[in-house]
Amino acid sequence: MDDGQITDDNRYLYSGTGAVGKATTLCKSPDHPDQTLYAVIQVFTPDRSDTGAMKRLITAYTKALGESGECG
């Protein structure tokens, strides 16, 4: 992710082949309430690099994580 870009709100870091998204502060593990949850996505095919698609994917994936039962 050497060429990664960060969103204005600092919640997402993404490049053409990987992305990281920070879950909302309401999304906590009951086993580790003092830790922050992150979603991570990586594409292992460098010739399939698509920065815009990775930004859309990590944003949607992190949102879905926040709305899931994992963030009870």
PDB file of N, CA and C in Angstrom:
ATOM      1  N   MET A   1       0.830  -1.186   0.000  1.00  0.00           N
ATOM      2  CA  MET A   1       0.000   0.000   0.000  1.00  0.00           C
ATOM      3  C   MET A   1       0.876   1.252   0.000  1.00  0.00           C
ATOM      4  N   ASP A   2       2.031   1.173  -0.628  1.00  0.00           N
ATOM      5  CA  ASP A   2       2.929   2.326  -0.691  1.00  0.00           C
ATOM      6  C   ASP A   2       2.288   3.523  -1.376  1.00  0.00           C
ATOM      7  N   ASP A   3       1.409   3.265  -2.315  1.00  0.00           N
ATOM      8  CA  ASP A   3       0.768   4.356  -3.049  1.00  0.00           C
ATOM      9  C   ASP A   3      -0.644   4.622  -2.531  1.00  0.00           C
ATOM     10  N   GLY A   4      -0.905   4.271  -1.277  1.00  0.00           N
ATOM     11  CA  GLY A   4      -2.240   4.403  -0.707  1.00  0.00           C
ATOM     12  C   GLY A   4      -2.692   5.842  -0.532  1.00  0.00           C
ATOM     13  N   GLN A   5      -4.000   6.007  -0.594  1.00  0.00           N
ATOM     14  CA  GLN A   5      -4.627   7.310  -0.389  1.00  0.00           C
ATOM     15  C   GLN A   5      -5.510   7.214   0.852  1.00  0.00           C
ATOM     16  N   ILE A   6      -5.612   8.306   1.572  1.00  0.00           N
ATOM     17  CA  ILE A   6      -6.416   8.355   2.790  1.00  0.00           C
ATOM     18  C   ILE A   6      -7.604   9.274   2.546  1.00  0.00           C
ATOM     19  N   THR A   7      -8.787   8.856   3.002  1.00  0.00           N
ATOM     20  CA  THR A   7      -9.971   9.706   2.856  1.00  0.00           C
ATOM     21  C   THR A   7      -9.874  10.895   3.809  1.00  0.00           C
ATOM     22  N   ASP A   8     -10.647  11.934   3.528  1.00  0.00           N
ATOM     23  CA  ASP A   8     -10.627  13.160   4.327  1.00  0.00           C
ATOM     24  C   ASP A   8     -10.951  12.911   5.801  1.00  0.00           C
ATOM     25  N   ASP A   9     -11.795  11.908   6.086  1.00  0.00           N
ATOM     26  CA  ASP A   9     -12.162  11.632   7.471  1.00  0.00           C
ATOM     27  C   ASP A   9     -11.202  10.648   8.159  1.00  0.00           C
ATOM     28  N   ASN A  10     -10.155  10.239   7.457  1.00  0.00           N
ATOM     29  CA  ASN A  10      -9.130   9.322   7.985  1.00  0.00           C
ATOM     30  C   ASN A  10      -9.657   7.938   8.361  1.00  0.00           C
ATOM     31  N   ARG A  11     -10.810   7.551   7.846  1.00  0.00           N
ATOM     32  CA  ARG A  11     -11.357   6.227   8.154  1.00  0.00           C
ATOM     33  C   ARG A  11     -10.890   5.156   7.178  1.00  0.00           C
ATOM     34  N   TYR A  12     -10.450   5.561   5.996  1.00  0.00           N
ATOM     35  CA  TYR A  12     -10.099   4.592   4.966  1.00  0.00           C
ATOM     36  C   TYR A  12      -8.746   4.896   4.346  1.00  0.00           C
ATOM     37  N   LEU A  13      -7.984   3.840   4.123  1.00  0.00           N
ATOM     38  CA  LEU A  13      -6.731   3.890   3.386  1.00  0.00           C
ATOM     39  C   LEU A  13      -6.888   2.886   2.260  1.00  0.00           C
ATOM     40  N   TYR A  14      -6.627   3.304   1.026  1.00  0.00           N
ATOM     41  CA  TYR A  14      -6.854   2.399  -0.096  1.00  0.00           C
ATOM     42  C   TYR A  14      -5.856   2.649  -1.214  1.00  0.00           C
ATOM     43  N   SER A  15      -5.609   1.605  -1.955  1.00  0.00           N
ATOM     44  CA  SER A  15      -4.768   1.673  -3.154  1.00  0.00           C
ATOM     45  C   SER A  15      -5.447   0.805  -4.203  1.00  0.00           C
ATOM     46  N   GLY A  16      -4.774   0.556  -5.285  1.00  0.00           N
ATOM     47  CA  GLY A  16      -5.359  -0.270  -6.334  1.00  0.00           C
ATOM     48  C   GLY A  16      -5.482  -1.730  -5.974  1.00  0.00           C
ATOM     49  N   THR A  17      -4.707  -2.191  -4.988  1.00  0.00           N
ATOM     50  CA  THR A  17      -4.717  -3.614  -4.651  1.00  0.00           C
ATOM     51  C   THR A  17      -4.987  -3.915  -3.182  1.00  0.00           C
ATOM     52  N   GLY A  18      -5.341  -2.925  -2.392  1.00  0.00           N
ATOM     53  CA  GLY A  18      -5.627  -3.171  -0.987  1.00  0.00           C
ATOM     54  C   GLY A  18      -6.329  -1.999  -0.350  1.00  0.00           C
ATOM     55  N   ALA A  19      -6.939  -2.268   0.800  1.00  0.00           N
ATOM     56  CA  ALA A  19      -7.658  -1.211   1.508  1.00  0.00           C
ATOM     57  C   ALA A  19      -7.856  -1.595   2.969  1.00  0.00           C
ATOM     58  N   VAL A  20      -7.958  -0.565   3.814  1.00  0.00           N
ATOM     59  CA  VAL A  20      -8.230  -0.737   5.235  1.00  0.00           C
ATOM     60  C   VAL A  20      -9.329   0.254   5.609  1.00  0.00           C
ATOM     61  N   GLY A  21     -10.299  -0.220   6.378  1.00  0.00           N
ATOM     62  CA  GLY A  21     -11.374   0.650   6.838  1.00  0.00           C
ATOM     63  C   GLY A  21     -11.548   0.535   8.342  1.00  0.00           C
ATOM     64  N   LYS A  22     -11.711   1.658   9.003  1.00  0.00           N
ATOM     65  CA  LYS A  22     -11.919   1.690  10.453  1.00  0.00           C
ATOM     66  C   LYS A  22     -13.408   1.675  10.748  1.00  0.00           C
ATOM     67  N   ALA A  23     -13.830   0.702  11.541  1.00  0.00           N
ATOM     68  CA  ALA A  23     -15.244   0.610  11.910  1.00  0.00           C
ATOM     69  C   ALA A  23     -15.610   1.776  12.825  1.00  0.00           C
ATOM     70  N   THR A  24     -16.885   2.040  12.943  1.00  0.00           N
ATOM     71  CA  THR A  24     -17.337   3.130  13.810  1.00  0.00           C
ATOM     72  C   THR A  24     -16.987   2.826  15.261  1.00  0.00           C
ATOM     73  N   THR A  25     -16.975   3.832  16.096  1.00  0.00           N
ATOM     74  CA  THR A  25     -16.635   3.646  17.508  1.00  0.00           C
ATOM     75  C   THR A  25     -17.675   2.791  18.233  1.00  0.00           C
ATOM     76  N   LEU A  26     -18.858   2.651  17.657  1.00  0.00           N
ATOM     77  CA  LEU A  26     -19.898   1.818  18.262  1.00  0.00           C
ATOM     78  C   LEU A  26     -19.661   0.336  18.014  1.00  0.00           C
ATOM     79  N   CYS A  27     -18.790   0.020  17.083  1.00  0.00           N
ATOM     80  CA  CYS A  27     -18.513  -1.370  16.724  1.00  0.00           C
ATOM     81  C   CYS A  27     -17.357  -1.877  17.582  1.00  0.00           C
ATOM     82  N   LYS A  28     -17.685  -2.608  18.621  1.00  0.00           N
ATOM     83  CA  LYS A  28     -16.682  -3.124  19.557  1.00  0.00           C
ATOM     84  C   LYS A  28     -16.897  -4.609  19.793  1.00  0.00           C
ATOM     85  N   SER A  29     -15.836  -5.291  20.052  1.00  0.00           N
ATOM     86  CA  SER A  29     -15.903  -6.694  20.425  1.00  0.00           C
ATOM     87  C   SER A  29     -16.159  -6.783  21.922  1.00  0.00           C
ATOM     88  N   PRO A  30     -17.105  -7.618  22.348  1.00  0.00           N
ATOM     89  CA  PRO A  30     -17.330  -7.764  23.784  1.00  0.00           C
ATOM     90  C   PRO A  30     -16.101  -8.340  24.497  1.00  0.00           C
ATOM     91  N   ASP A  31     -15.284  -9.103  23.759  1.00  0.00           N
ATOM     92  CA  ASP A  31     -14.083  -9.681  24.345  1.00  0.00           C
ATOM     93  C   ASP A  31     -12.928  -8.683  24.435  1.00  0.00           C
ATOM     94  N   HIS A  32     -12.973  -7.635  23.595  1.00  0.00           N
ATOM     95  CA  HIS A  32     -11.896  -6.638  23.542  1.00  0.00           C
ATOM     96  C   HIS A  32     -12.484  -5.234  23.363  1.00  0.00           C
ATOM     97  N   PRO A  33     -13.232  -4.743  24.325  1.00  0.00           N
ATOM     98  CA  PRO A  33     -13.923  -3.453  24.168  1.00  0.00           C
ATOM     99  C   PRO A  33     -12.995  -2.251  24.025  1.00  0.00           C
ATOM    100  N   ASP A  34     -11.741  -2.388  24.401  1.00  0.00           N
ATOM    101  CA  ASP A  34     -10.810  -1.265  24.311  1.00  0.00           C
ATOM    102  C   ASP A  34     -10.050  -1.237  22.981  1.00  0.00           C
ATOM    103  N   GLN A  35     -10.353  -2.175  22.073  1.00  0.00           N
ATOM    104  CA  GLN A  35      -9.661  -2.236  20.792  1.00  0.00           C
ATOM    105  C   GLN A  35     -10.570  -1.777  19.656  1.00  0.00           C
ATOM    106  N   THR A  36      -9.969  -1.189  18.640  1.00  0.00           N
ATOM    107  CA  THR A  36     -10.690  -0.715  17.473  1.00  0.00           C
ATOM    108  C   THR A  36     -10.715  -1.811  16.417  1.00  0.00           C
ATOM    109  N   LEU A  37     -11.851  -1.957  15.748  1.00  0.00           N
ATOM    110  CA  LEU A  37     -12.004  -2.976  14.708  1.00  0.00           C
ATOM    111  C   LEU A  37     -11.740  -2.360  13.337  1.00  0.00           C
ATOM    112  N   TYR A  38     -10.936  -3.050  12.535  1.00  0.00           N
ATOM    113  CA  TYR A  38     -10.621  -2.624  11.171  1.00  0.00           C
ATOM    114  C   TYR A  38     -10.990  -3.728  10.193  1.00  0.00           C
ATOM    115  N   ALA A  39     -11.433  -3.338   9.015  1.00  0.00           N
ATOM    116  CA  ALA A  39     -11.665  -4.265   7.912  1.00  0.00           C
ATOM    117  C   ALA A  39     -10.476  -4.126   6.963  1.00  0.00           C
ATOM    118  N   VAL A  40      -9.975  -5.248   6.460  1.00  0.00           N
ATOM    119  CA  VAL A  40      -8.820  -5.239   5.567  1.00  0.00           C
ATOM    120  C   VAL A  40      -9.128  -6.090   4.344  1.00  0.00           C
ATOM    121  N   ILE A  41      -8.819  -5.550   3.168  1.00  0.00           N
ATOM    122  CA  ILE A  41      -9.030  -6.251   1.904  1.00  0.00           C
ATOM    123  C   ILE A  41      -7.736  -6.168   1.100  1.00  0.00           C
ATOM    124  N   GLN A  42      -7.347  -7.294   0.502  1.00  0.00           N
ATOM    125  CA  GLN A  42      -6.154  -7.290  -0.344  1.00  0.00           C
ATOM    126  C   GLN A  42      -6.427  -8.096  -1.607  1.00  0.00           C
ATOM    127  N   VAL A  43      -5.962  -7.573  -2.727  1.00  0.00           N
ATOM    128  CA  VAL A  43      -6.058  -8.256  -4.020  1.00  0.00           C
ATOM    129  C   VAL A  43      -4.654  -8.735  -4.370  1.00  0.00           C
ATOM    130  N   PHE A  44      -4.511  -9.998  -4.697  1.00  0.00           N
ATOM    131  CA  PHE A  44      -3.197 -10.574  -4.939  1.00  0.00           C
ATOM    132  C   PHE A  44      -2.820 -10.615  -6.416  1.00  0.00           C
ATOM    133  N   THR A  45      -3.544  -9.901  -7.254  1.00  0.00           N
ATOM    134  CA  THR A  45      -3.254  -9.856  -8.684  1.00  0.00           C
ATOM    135  C   THR A  45      -2.940  -8.416  -9.066  1.00  0.00           C
ATOM    136  N   PRO A  46      -1.664  -8.047  -9.118  1.00  0.00           N
ATOM    137  CA  PRO A  46      -1.296  -6.649  -9.355  1.00  0.00           C
ATOM    138  C   PRO A  46      -1.807  -6.087 -10.681  1.00  0.00           C
ATOM    139  N   ASP A  47      -2.013  -6.918 -11.683  1.00  0.00           N
ATOM    140  CA  ASP A  47      -2.501  -6.407 -12.964  1.00  0.00           C
ATOM    141  C   ASP A  47      -4.002  -6.130 -12.937  1.00  0.00           C
ATOM    142  N   ARG A  48      -4.624  -6.310 -11.807  1.00  0.00           N
ATOM    143  CA  ARG A  48      -6.047  -5.989 -11.611  1.00  0.00           C
ATOM    144  C   ARG A  48      -6.222  -4.781 -10.706  1.00  0.00           C
ATOM    145  N   SER A  49      -5.249  -3.928 -10.631  1.00  0.00           N
ATOM    146  CA  SER A  49      -5.271  -2.748  -9.765  1.00  0.00           C
ATOM    147  C   SER A  49      -6.369  -1.774 -10.194  1.00  0.00           C
ATOM    148  N   ASP A  50      -7.200  -1.348  -9.218  1.00  0.00           N
ATOM    149  CA  ASP A  50      -8.282  -0.397  -9.491  1.00  0.00           C
ATOM    150  C   ASP A  50      -8.569   0.393  -8.217  1.00  0.00           C
ATOM    151  N   THR A  51      -7.978   1.556  -8.109  1.00  0.00           N
ATOM    152  CA  THR A  51      -8.098   2.372  -6.909  1.00  0.00           C
ATOM    153  C   THR A  51      -9.537   2.746  -6.595  1.00  0.00           C
ATOM    154  N   GLY A  52     -10.288   3.171  -7.603  1.00  0.00           N
ATOM    155  CA  GLY A  52     -11.683   3.566  -7.382  1.00  0.00           C
ATOM    156  C   GLY A  52     -12.534   2.414  -6.883  1.00  0.00           C
ATOM    157  N   ALA A  53     -12.336   1.241  -7.466  1.00  0.00           N
ATOM    158  CA  ALA A  53     -13.097   0.059  -7.047  1.00  0.00           C
ATOM    159  C   ALA A  53     -12.746  -0.338  -5.619  1.00  0.00           C
ATOM    160  N   MET A  54     -11.471  -0.241  -5.248  1.00  0.00           N
ATOM    161  CA  MET A  54     -11.074  -0.588  -3.887  1.00  0.00           C
ATOM    162  C   MET A  54     -11.658   0.393  -2.876  1.00  0.00           C
ATOM    163  N   LYS A  55     -11.724   1.664  -3.228  1.00  0.00           N
ATOM    164  CA  LYS A  55     -12.326   2.643  -2.326  1.00  0.00           C
ATOM    165  C   LYS A  55     -13.805   2.336  -2.123  1.00  0.00           C
ATOM    166  N   ARG A  56     -14.514   2.048  -3.206  1.00  0.00           N
ATOM    167  CA  ARG A  56     -15.943   1.714  -3.087  1.00  0.00           C
ATOM    168  C   ARG A  56     -16.143   0.418  -2.293  1.00  0.00           C
ATOM    169  N   LEU A  57     -15.283  -0.577  -2.543  1.00  0.00           N
ATOM    170  CA  LEU A  57     -15.405  -1.861  -1.865  1.00  0.00           C
ATOM    171  C   LEU A  57     -15.150  -1.735  -0.366  1.00  0.00           C
ATOM    172  N   ILE A  58     -14.077  -1.070   0.037  1.00  0.00           N
ATOM    173  CA  ILE A  58     -13.783  -0.968   1.470  1.00  0.00           C
ATOM    174  C   ILE A  58     -14.824  -0.126   2.190  1.00  0.00           C
ATOM    175  N   THR A  59     -15.343   0.895   1.534  1.00  0.00           N
ATOM    176  CA  THR A  59     -16.389   1.712   2.148  1.00  0.00           C
ATOM    177  C   THR A  59     -17.655   0.890   2.378  1.00  0.00           C
ATOM    178  N   ALA A  60     -18.089   0.156   1.380  1.00  0.00           N
ATOM    179  CA  ALA A  60     -19.289  -0.675   1.501  1.00  0.00           C
ATOM    180  C   ALA A  60     -19.079  -1.820   2.492  1.00  0.00           C
ATOM    181  N   TYR A  61     -17.914  -2.442   2.430  1.00  0.00           N
ATOM    182  CA  TYR A  61     -17.621  -3.576   3.310  1.00  0.00           C
ATOM    183  C   TYR A  61     -17.577  -3.142   4.771  1.00  0.00           C
ATOM    184  N   THR A  62     -16.927  -2.028   5.057  1.00  0.00           N
ATOM    185  CA  THR A  62     -16.837  -1.533   6.425  1.00  0.00           C
ATOM    186  C   THR A  62     -18.210  -1.097   6.941  1.00  0.00           C
ATOM    187  N   LYS A  63     -19.011  -0.497   6.080  1.00  0.00           N
ATOM    188  CA  LYS A  63     -20.380  -0.115   6.469  1.00  0.00           C
ATOM    189  C   LYS A  63     -21.199  -1.355   6.812  1.00  0.00           C
ATOM    190  N   ALA A  64     -21.100  -2.389   5.975  1.00  0.00           N
ATOM    191  CA  ALA A  64     -21.837  -3.631   6.214  1.00  0.00           C
ATOM    192  C   ALA A  64     -21.365  -4.289   7.514  1.00  0.00           C
ATOM    193  N   LEU A  65     -20.086  -4.228   7.775  1.00  0.00           N
ATOM    194  CA  LEU A  65     -19.549  -4.773   9.037  1.00  0.00           C
ATOM    195  C   LEU A  65     -20.181  -4.049  10.215  1.00  0.00           C
ATOM    196  N   GLY A  66     -20.269  -2.747  10.150  1.00  0.00           N
ATOM    197  CA  GLY A  66     -20.855  -1.955  11.232  1.00  0.00           C
ATOM    198  C   GLY A  66     -22.328  -2.244  11.462  1.00  0.00           C
ATOM    199  N   GLU A  67     -23.013  -2.689  10.432  1.00  0.00           N
ATOM    200  CA  GLU A  67     -24.443  -2.992  10.534  1.00  0.00           C
ATOM    201  C   GLU A  67     -24.695  -4.467  10.838  1.00  0.00           C
ATOM    202  N   SER A  68     -23.657  -5.259  10.937  1.00  0.00           N
ATOM    203  CA  SER A  68     -23.801  -6.693  11.144  1.00  0.00           C
ATOM    204  C   SER A  68     -23.902  -7.036  12.623  1.00  0.00           C
ATOM    205  N   GLY A  69     -24.186  -8.275  12.903  1.00  0.00           N
ATOM    206  CA  GLY A  69     -24.235  -8.768  14.266  1.00  0.00           C
ATOM    207  C   GLY A  69     -22.888  -8.784  14.958  1.00  0.00           C
ATOM    208  N   GLU A  70     -21.814  -8.656  14.198  1.00  0.00           N
ATOM    209  CA  GLU A  70     -20.470  -8.615  14.766  1.00  0.00           C
ATOM    210  C   GLU A  70     -20.232  -7.349  15.578  1.00  0.00           C
ATOM    211  N   CYS A  71     -21.055  -6.342  15.341  1.00  0.00           N
ATOM    212  CA  CYS A  71     -20.902  -5.064  16.037  1.00  0.00           C
ATOM    213  C   CYS A  71     -22.017  -4.844  17.038  1.00  0.00           C
ATOM    214  N   GLY A  72     -22.457  -5.901  17.656  1.00  0.00           N
ATOM    215  CA  GLY A  72     -23.558  -5.873  18.592  1.00  0.00           C
ATOM    216  C   GLY A  72     -23.360  -4.971  19.711  1.00  0.00           C
TER     217      GLY A  72
END
